[in-house]
Amino acid sequence: MDRTGARAAAMKLLYEWEMGGDGGEETRVGMLELQPGEKEADYMEMLVKGVQDNVSELDETVAKYAVGWKLDRIMRVDLTILRLAIFEITHTDLSDAISVNEALELARAYSTPEAVSFINGVLGSMLRSK
């Protein structure tokens, strides 16, 4: 698994967590087909734990920059992608441009065409205010 795959796996685990699941071994090995010790598994784990530990702060950021949207109106998959991207931007050394691009690729793969524009707008507003 590469970084892009680790990010996608983290997004799926976080989405399951958002929907009330636990993202345990059954999900990791069964659904995601992740093997123990797989390359970039540490990065995936860091993303999952980081988002879970900072979800309130991340949601405040989403609420601040998703002007006109309440968190409960944002599709859960889109909220998960936003949380993940904002965590990467604010808590890792990864380039902001890479984080945004990867978030948009996740939206293209797992959400709607409208979500791509929405996510780009939220992240763009956030980065312009830095």
N, C-alpha and C. Protein backbone atom coordinates (compact mmCIF):
# COMPACT_ATOMS: atom_id res chain seq x y z
N MET A 1 0.86 -1.17 0.00
CA MET A 1 0.00 0.00 0.00
C MET A 1 0.90 1.23 0.00
N ASP A 2 0.56 2.20 -0.84
CA ASP A 2 1.30 3.46 -0.87
C ASP A 2 0.55 4.49 -0.02
N ARG A 3 1.05 5.73 0.01
CA ARG A 3 0.42 6.77 0.83
C ARG A 3 -1.02 7.03 0.40
N THR A 4 -1.26 7.03 -0.91
CA THR A 4 -2.61 7.26 -1.40
C THR A 4 -3.54 6.15 -0.91
N GLY A 5 -3.07 4.93 -0.97
CA GLY A 5 -3.85 3.80 -0.48
C GLY A 5 -4.06 3.86 1.03
N ALA A 6 -3.04 4.29 1.75
CA ALA A 6 -3.15 4.43 3.20
C ALA A 6 -4.19 5.48 3.56
N ARG A 7 -4.20 6.57 2.80
CA ARG A 7 -5.17 7.64 3.03
C ARG A 7 -6.59 7.15 2.73
N ALA A 8 -6.75 6.41 1.64
CA ALA A 8 -8.07 5.87 1.29
C ALA A 8 -8.55 4.88 2.34
N ALA A 9 -7.64 4.03 2.82
CA ALA A 9 -8.01 3.08 3.87
C ALA A 9 -8.39 3.81 5.15
N ALA A 10 -7.64 4.85 5.50
CA ALA A 10 -7.96 5.65 6.68
C ALA A 10 -9.34 6.29 6.53
N MET A 11 -9.63 6.81 5.34
CA MET A 11 -10.94 7.43 5.10
C MET A 11 -12.05 6.40 5.30
N LYS A 12 -11.86 5.21 4.80
CA LYS A 12 -12.88 4.16 4.93
C LYS A 12 -13.07 3.77 6.40
N LEU A 13 -11.97 3.64 7.13
CA LEU A 13 -12.08 3.30 8.56
C LEU A 13 -12.75 4.43 9.34
N LEU A 14 -12.41 5.67 9.00
CA LEU A 14 -13.03 6.80 9.68
C LEU A 14 -14.51 6.92 9.33
N TYR A 15 -14.86 6.61 8.10
CA TYR A 15 -16.27 6.63 7.71
C TYR A 15 -17.03 5.56 8.48
N GLU A 16 -16.45 4.38 8.59
CA GLU A 16 -17.10 3.32 9.38
C GLU A 16 -17.27 3.77 10.83
N TRP A 17 -16.24 4.39 11.38
CA TRP A 17 -16.29 4.90 12.75
C TRP A 17 -17.40 5.95 12.89
N GLU A 18 -17.48 6.85 11.91
CA GLU A 18 -18.52 7.89 11.90
C GLU A 18 -19.92 7.27 11.89
N MET A 19 -20.05 6.13 11.23
CA MET A 19 -21.35 5.48 11.11
C MET A 19 -21.62 4.50 12.27
N GLY A 20 -20.74 4.48 13.27
CA GLY A 20 -20.97 3.68 14.46
C GLY A 20 -20.18 2.39 14.56
N GLY A 21 -19.35 2.12 13.57
CA GLY A 21 -18.52 0.92 13.60
C GLY A 21 -17.26 1.15 14.41
N ASP A 22 -16.45 0.09 14.51
CA ASP A 22 -15.23 0.22 15.31
C ASP A 22 -13.95 0.12 14.48
N GLY A 23 -14.05 -0.21 13.20
CA GLY A 23 -12.86 -0.29 12.36
C GLY A 23 -11.86 -1.32 12.84
N GLY A 24 -12.37 -2.41 13.40
CA GLY A 24 -11.50 -3.44 13.97
C GLY A 24 -10.85 -4.33 12.92
N GLU A 25 -10.28 -5.41 13.40
CA GLU A 25 -9.55 -6.34 12.53
C GLU A 25 -10.41 -6.91 11.42
N GLU A 26 -11.67 -7.18 11.71
CA GLU A 26 -12.56 -7.73 10.68
C GLU A 26 -12.65 -6.78 9.49
N THR A 27 -12.77 -5.50 9.76
CA THR A 27 -12.83 -4.51 8.69
C THR A 27 -11.48 -4.38 8.01
N ARG A 28 -10.42 -4.29 8.80
CA ARG A 28 -9.10 -4.06 8.24
C ARG A 28 -8.63 -5.22 7.35
N VAL A 29 -8.83 -6.44 7.80
CA VAL A 29 -8.36 -7.59 7.03
C VAL A 29 -9.43 -8.05 6.03
N GLY A 30 -10.69 -8.10 6.46
CA GLY A 30 -11.75 -8.60 5.61
C GLY A 30 -12.13 -7.66 4.50
N MET A 31 -12.56 -6.46 4.84
CA MET A 31 -13.04 -5.52 3.85
C MET A 31 -11.90 -4.80 3.11
N LEU A 32 -10.94 -4.30 3.86
CA LEU A 32 -9.86 -3.53 3.24
C LEU A 32 -8.69 -4.38 2.78
N GLU A 33 -8.68 -5.65 3.19
CA GLU A 33 -7.62 -6.59 2.83
C GLU A 33 -6.24 -6.08 3.23
N LEU A 34 -6.16 -5.45 4.39
CA LEU A 34 -4.88 -4.96 4.91
C LEU A 34 -4.19 -6.09 5.66
N GLN A 35 -2.92 -6.21 5.43
CA GLN A 35 -2.13 -7.23 6.11
C GLN A 35 -1.29 -6.57 7.20
N PRO A 36 -1.11 -7.26 8.33
CA PRO A 36 -0.26 -6.70 9.40
C PRO A 36 1.13 -6.37 8.85
N GLY A 37 1.64 -5.23 9.24
CA GLY A 37 2.97 -4.81 8.84
C GLY A 37 3.06 -4.28 7.41
N GLU A 38 1.93 -4.06 6.78
CA GLU A 38 1.92 -3.57 5.41
C GLU A 38 2.56 -2.18 5.34
N LYS A 39 3.24 -1.91 4.23
CA LYS A 39 3.89 -0.61 4.03
C LYS A 39 2.85 0.50 4.17
N GLU A 40 3.21 1.55 4.85
CA GLU A 40 2.37 2.73 5.08
C GLU A 40 1.22 2.47 6.05
N ALA A 41 1.16 1.30 6.67
CA ALA A 41 0.12 1.03 7.67
C ALA A 41 0.24 1.98 8.85
N ASP A 42 1.48 2.34 9.22
CA ASP A 42 1.68 3.28 10.32
C ASP A 42 1.09 4.65 9.99
N TYR A 43 1.23 5.07 8.73
CA TYR A 43 0.67 6.35 8.32
C TYR A 43 -0.85 6.31 8.41
N MET A 44 -1.44 5.21 7.93
CA MET A 44 -2.89 5.04 8.01
C MET A 44 -3.36 5.10 9.46
N GLU A 45 -2.68 4.38 10.33
CA GLU A 45 -3.05 4.36 11.75
C GLU A 45 -2.93 5.75 12.37
N MET A 46 -1.86 6.48 12.01
CA MET A 46 -1.68 7.83 12.53
C MET A 46 -2.83 8.73 12.10
N LEU A 47 -3.26 8.61 10.85
CA LEU A 47 -4.38 9.42 10.36
C LEU A 47 -5.66 9.10 11.10
N VAL A 48 -5.96 7.81 11.25
CA VAL A 48 -7.19 7.40 11.92
C VAL A 48 -7.20 7.91 13.35
N LYS A 49 -6.14 7.63 14.09
CA LYS A 49 -6.08 8.05 15.49
C LYS A 49 -6.09 9.57 15.60
N GLY A 50 -5.37 10.24 14.72
CA GLY A 50 -5.30 11.69 14.76
C GLY A 50 -6.66 12.34 14.54
N VAL A 51 -7.39 11.86 13.55
CA VAL A 51 -8.72 12.42 13.29
C VAL A 51 -9.65 12.11 14.47
N GLN A 52 -9.62 10.88 14.96
CA GLN A 52 -10.49 10.52 16.08
C GLN A 52 -10.17 11.37 17.32
N ASP A 53 -8.91 11.58 17.60
CA ASP A 53 -8.51 12.35 18.78
C ASP A 53 -8.79 13.85 18.66
N ASN A 54 -8.90 14.34 17.43
CA ASN A 54 -9.06 15.78 17.19
C ASN A 54 -10.36 16.13 16.50
N VAL A 55 -11.35 15.24 16.56
CA VAL A 55 -12.57 15.41 15.78
C VAL A 55 -13.30 16.72 16.12
N SER A 56 -13.32 17.13 17.36
CA SER A 56 -14.01 18.38 17.72
C SER A 56 -13.34 19.58 17.08
N GLU A 57 -12.03 19.64 17.17
CA GLU A 57 -11.27 20.73 16.55
C GLU A 57 -11.46 20.73 15.02
N LEU A 58 -11.43 19.55 14.42
CA LEU A 58 -11.59 19.44 12.97
C LEU A 58 -12.99 19.87 12.55
N ASP A 59 -13.99 19.48 13.32
CA ASP A 59 -15.37 19.87 13.01
C ASP A 59 -15.57 21.38 13.15
N GLU A 60 -14.91 21.99 14.11
CA GLU A 60 -14.98 23.45 14.25
C GLU A 60 -14.41 24.13 13.01
N THR A 61 -13.32 23.58 12.49
CA THR A 61 -12.71 24.14 11.29
C THR A 61 -13.65 23.96 10.09
N VAL A 62 -14.24 22.78 9.95
CA VAL A 62 -15.19 22.56 8.86
C VAL A 62 -16.34 23.55 8.97
N ALA A 63 -16.90 23.68 10.16
CA ALA A 63 -18.04 24.57 10.36
C ALA A 63 -17.67 26.03 10.03
N LYS A 64 -16.46 26.41 10.35
CA LYS A 64 -16.01 27.79 10.10
C LYS A 64 -15.92 28.10 8.61
N TYR A 65 -15.45 27.12 7.83
CA TYR A 65 -15.20 27.38 6.41
C TYR A 65 -16.25 26.82 5.46
N ALA A 66 -17.15 26.00 5.94
CA ALA A 66 -18.27 25.51 5.12
C ALA A 66 -19.44 26.48 5.33
N VAL A 67 -19.25 27.68 4.83
CA VAL A 67 -20.20 28.77 5.05
C VAL A 67 -21.58 28.38 4.52
N GLY A 68 -22.57 28.55 5.40
CA GLY A 68 -23.95 28.23 5.01
C GLY A 68 -24.32 26.77 5.19
N TRP A 69 -23.41 25.97 5.69
CA TRP A 69 -23.68 24.54 5.90
C TRP A 69 -23.55 24.20 7.37
N LYS A 70 -24.51 23.46 7.87
CA LYS A 70 -24.40 22.89 9.22
C LYS A 70 -23.77 21.51 9.06
N LEU A 71 -23.01 21.11 10.06
CA LEU A 71 -22.31 19.83 9.97
C LEU A 71 -23.27 18.67 9.70
N ASP A 72 -24.46 18.71 10.28
CA ASP A 72 -25.38 17.58 10.10
C ASP A 72 -25.98 17.53 8.69
N ARG A 73 -25.77 18.58 7.89
CA ARG A 73 -26.25 18.59 6.50
C ARG A 73 -25.19 18.09 5.52
N ILE A 74 -23.95 18.01 5.97
CA ILE A 74 -22.86 17.57 5.09
C ILE A 74 -22.88 16.04 5.04
N MET A 75 -22.81 15.50 3.82
CA MET A 75 -22.78 14.05 3.67
C MET A 75 -21.62 13.49 4.49
N ARG A 76 -21.86 12.38 5.17
CA ARG A 76 -20.85 11.82 6.08
C ARG A 76 -19.53 11.51 5.39
N VAL A 77 -19.60 11.01 4.16
CA VAL A 77 -18.35 10.71 3.46
C VAL A 77 -17.58 12.00 3.17
N ASP A 78 -18.29 13.07 2.83
CA ASP A 78 -17.64 14.35 2.56
C ASP A 78 -17.04 14.93 3.85
N LEU A 79 -17.75 14.81 4.94
CA LEU A 79 -17.24 15.27 6.23
C LEU A 79 -15.99 14.48 6.61
N THR A 80 -16.01 13.19 6.36
CA THR A 80 -14.85 12.35 6.67
C THR A 80 -13.64 12.78 5.84
N ILE A 81 -13.84 13.03 4.56
CA ILE A 81 -12.75 13.48 3.69
C ILE A 81 -12.22 14.83 4.16
N LEU A 82 -13.11 15.74 4.52
CA LEU A 82 -12.69 17.06 5.01
C LEU A 82 -11.89 16.92 6.31
N ARG A 83 -12.37 16.12 7.23
CA ARG A 83 -11.64 15.93 8.50
C ARG A 83 -10.23 15.41 8.23
N LEU A 84 -10.14 14.43 7.36
CA LEU A 84 -8.85 13.82 7.04
C LEU A 84 -7.91 14.85 6.42
N ALA A 85 -8.39 15.60 5.46
CA ALA A 85 -7.55 16.61 4.79
C ALA A 85 -7.12 17.70 5.76
N ILE A 86 -8.05 18.18 6.56
CA ILE A 86 -7.72 19.24 7.51
C ILE A 86 -6.72 18.73 8.54
N PHE A 87 -6.87 17.49 8.98
CA PHE A 87 -5.89 16.92 9.90
C PHE A 87 -4.51 16.89 9.25
N GLU A 88 -4.44 16.42 8.01
CA GLU A 88 -3.14 16.37 7.33
C GLU A 88 -2.54 17.77 7.20
N ILE A 89 -3.35 18.74 6.86
CA ILE A 89 -2.87 20.11 6.67
C ILE A 89 -2.37 20.71 7.98
N THR A 90 -3.09 20.45 9.06
CA THR A 90 -2.76 21.11 10.34
C THR A 90 -1.85 20.31 11.26
N HIS A 91 -1.70 19.00 11.01
CA HIS A 91 -0.94 18.19 11.96
C HIS A 91 0.19 17.36 11.34
N THR A 92 0.45 17.53 10.05
CA THR A 92 1.56 16.81 9.43
C THR A 92 2.41 17.79 8.64
N ASP A 93 3.56 17.32 8.17
CA ASP A 93 4.47 18.14 7.37
C ASP A 93 4.17 18.03 5.88
N LEU A 94 3.14 17.29 5.53
CA LEU A 94 2.79 17.11 4.13
C LEU A 94 2.38 18.45 3.51
N SER A 95 2.75 18.66 2.28
CA SER A 95 2.39 19.88 1.56
C SER A 95 0.88 20.05 1.52
N ASP A 96 0.43 21.29 1.73
CA ASP A 96 -1.01 21.58 1.68
C ASP A 96 -1.59 21.18 0.33
N ALA A 97 -0.87 21.45 -0.74
CA ALA A 97 -1.36 21.14 -2.09
C ALA A 97 -1.58 19.64 -2.25
N ILE A 98 -0.69 18.83 -1.70
CA ILE A 98 -0.87 17.38 -1.80
C ILE A 98 -2.09 16.95 -1.01
N SER A 99 -2.26 17.49 0.19
CA SER A 99 -3.42 17.14 1.01
C SER A 99 -4.72 17.48 0.30
N VAL A 100 -4.78 18.65 -0.30
CA VAL A 100 -5.99 19.07 -1.02
C VAL A 100 -6.22 18.17 -2.22
N ASN A 101 -5.18 17.93 -3.01
CA ASN A 101 -5.31 17.09 -4.19
C ASN A 101 -5.79 15.68 -3.82
N GLU A 102 -5.22 15.12 -2.77
CA GLU A 102 -5.62 13.77 -2.34
C GLU A 102 -7.07 13.76 -1.85
N ALA A 103 -7.49 14.82 -1.17
CA ALA A 103 -8.88 14.91 -0.72
C ALA A 103 -9.83 14.96 -1.92
N LEU A 104 -9.46 15.70 -2.94
CA LEU A 104 -10.29 15.80 -4.14
C LEU A 104 -10.35 14.46 -4.86
N GLU A 105 -9.25 13.73 -4.88
CA GLU A 105 -9.26 12.39 -5.49
C GLU A 105 -10.16 11.44 -4.71
N LEU A 106 -10.14 11.53 -3.38
CA LEU A 106 -11.04 10.71 -2.58
C LEU A 106 -12.50 11.06 -2.87
N ALA A 107 -12.77 12.35 -3.00
CA ALA A 107 -14.14 12.79 -3.30
C ALA A 107 -14.57 12.28 -4.68
N ARG A 108 -13.67 12.34 -5.66
CA ARG A 108 -14.00 11.84 -7.00
C ARG A 108 -14.31 10.34 -6.96
N ALA A 109 -13.58 9.62 -6.13
CA ALA A 109 -13.75 8.16 -6.07
C ALA A 109 -14.93 7.72 -5.22
N TYR A 110 -15.24 8.45 -4.15
CA TYR A 110 -16.20 7.95 -3.17
C TYR A 110 -17.42 8.83 -2.97
N SER A 111 -17.50 9.96 -3.64
CA SER A 111 -18.64 10.84 -3.43
C SER A 111 -19.20 11.30 -4.78
N THR A 112 -19.75 12.48 -4.80
CA THR A 112 -20.42 13.00 -5.99
C THR A 112 -19.58 14.10 -6.64
N PRO A 113 -19.85 14.42 -7.92
CA PRO A 113 -19.12 15.53 -8.56
C PRO A 113 -19.29 16.85 -7.79
N GLU A 114 -20.47 17.07 -7.22
CA GLU A 114 -20.69 18.29 -6.45
C GLU A 114 -19.81 18.34 -5.20
N ALA A 115 -19.53 17.16 -4.64
CA ALA A 115 -18.70 17.09 -3.43
C ALA A 115 -17.28 17.57 -3.72
N VAL A 116 -16.79 17.29 -4.92
CA VAL A 116 -15.44 17.72 -5.27
C VAL A 116 -15.34 19.24 -5.17
N SER A 117 -16.30 19.93 -5.75
CA SER A 117 -16.31 21.40 -5.69
C SER A 117 -16.48 21.90 -4.26
N PHE A 118 -17.37 21.27 -3.51
CA PHE A 118 -17.62 21.67 -2.13
C PHE A 118 -16.35 21.52 -1.29
N ILE A 119 -15.73 20.36 -1.36
CA ILE A 119 -14.52 20.09 -0.58
C ILE A 119 -13.40 21.04 -0.99
N ASN A 120 -13.24 21.26 -2.29
CA ASN A 120 -12.24 22.20 -2.77
C ASN A 120 -12.49 23.60 -2.23
N GLY A 121 -13.75 24.02 -2.21
CA GLY A 121 -14.10 25.34 -1.70
C GLY A 121 -13.80 25.48 -0.21
N VAL A 122 -14.16 24.49 0.56
CA VAL A 122 -13.92 24.54 2.02
C VAL A 122 -12.41 24.58 2.30
N LEU A 123 -11.67 23.68 1.66
CA LEU A 123 -10.23 23.64 1.91
C LEU A 123 -9.53 24.89 1.37
N GLY A 124 -9.99 25.38 0.23
CA GLY A 124 -9.42 26.61 -0.33
C GLY A 124 -9.64 27.79 0.59
N SER A 125 -10.85 27.92 1.13
CA SER A 125 -11.14 29.01 2.09
C SER A 125 -10.25 28.92 3.31
N MET A 126 -10.08 27.70 3.81
CA MET A 126 -9.25 27.50 4.98
C MET A 126 -7.81 27.90 4.69
N LEU A 127 -7.29 27.47 3.56
CA LEU A 127 -5.88 27.77 3.24
C LEU A 127 -5.66 29.25 2.96
N ARG A 128 -6.62 29.91 2.35
CA ARG A 128 -6.49 31.36 2.09
C ARG A 128 -6.45 32.16 3.39
N SER A 129 -7.05 31.63 4.43
CA SER A 129 -7.09 32.36 5.70
C SER A 129 -5.83 32.13 6.55
N LYS A 130 -4.97 31.20 6.13
CA LYS A 130 -3.74 30.91 6.89
C LYS A 130 -2.79 32.09 6.88
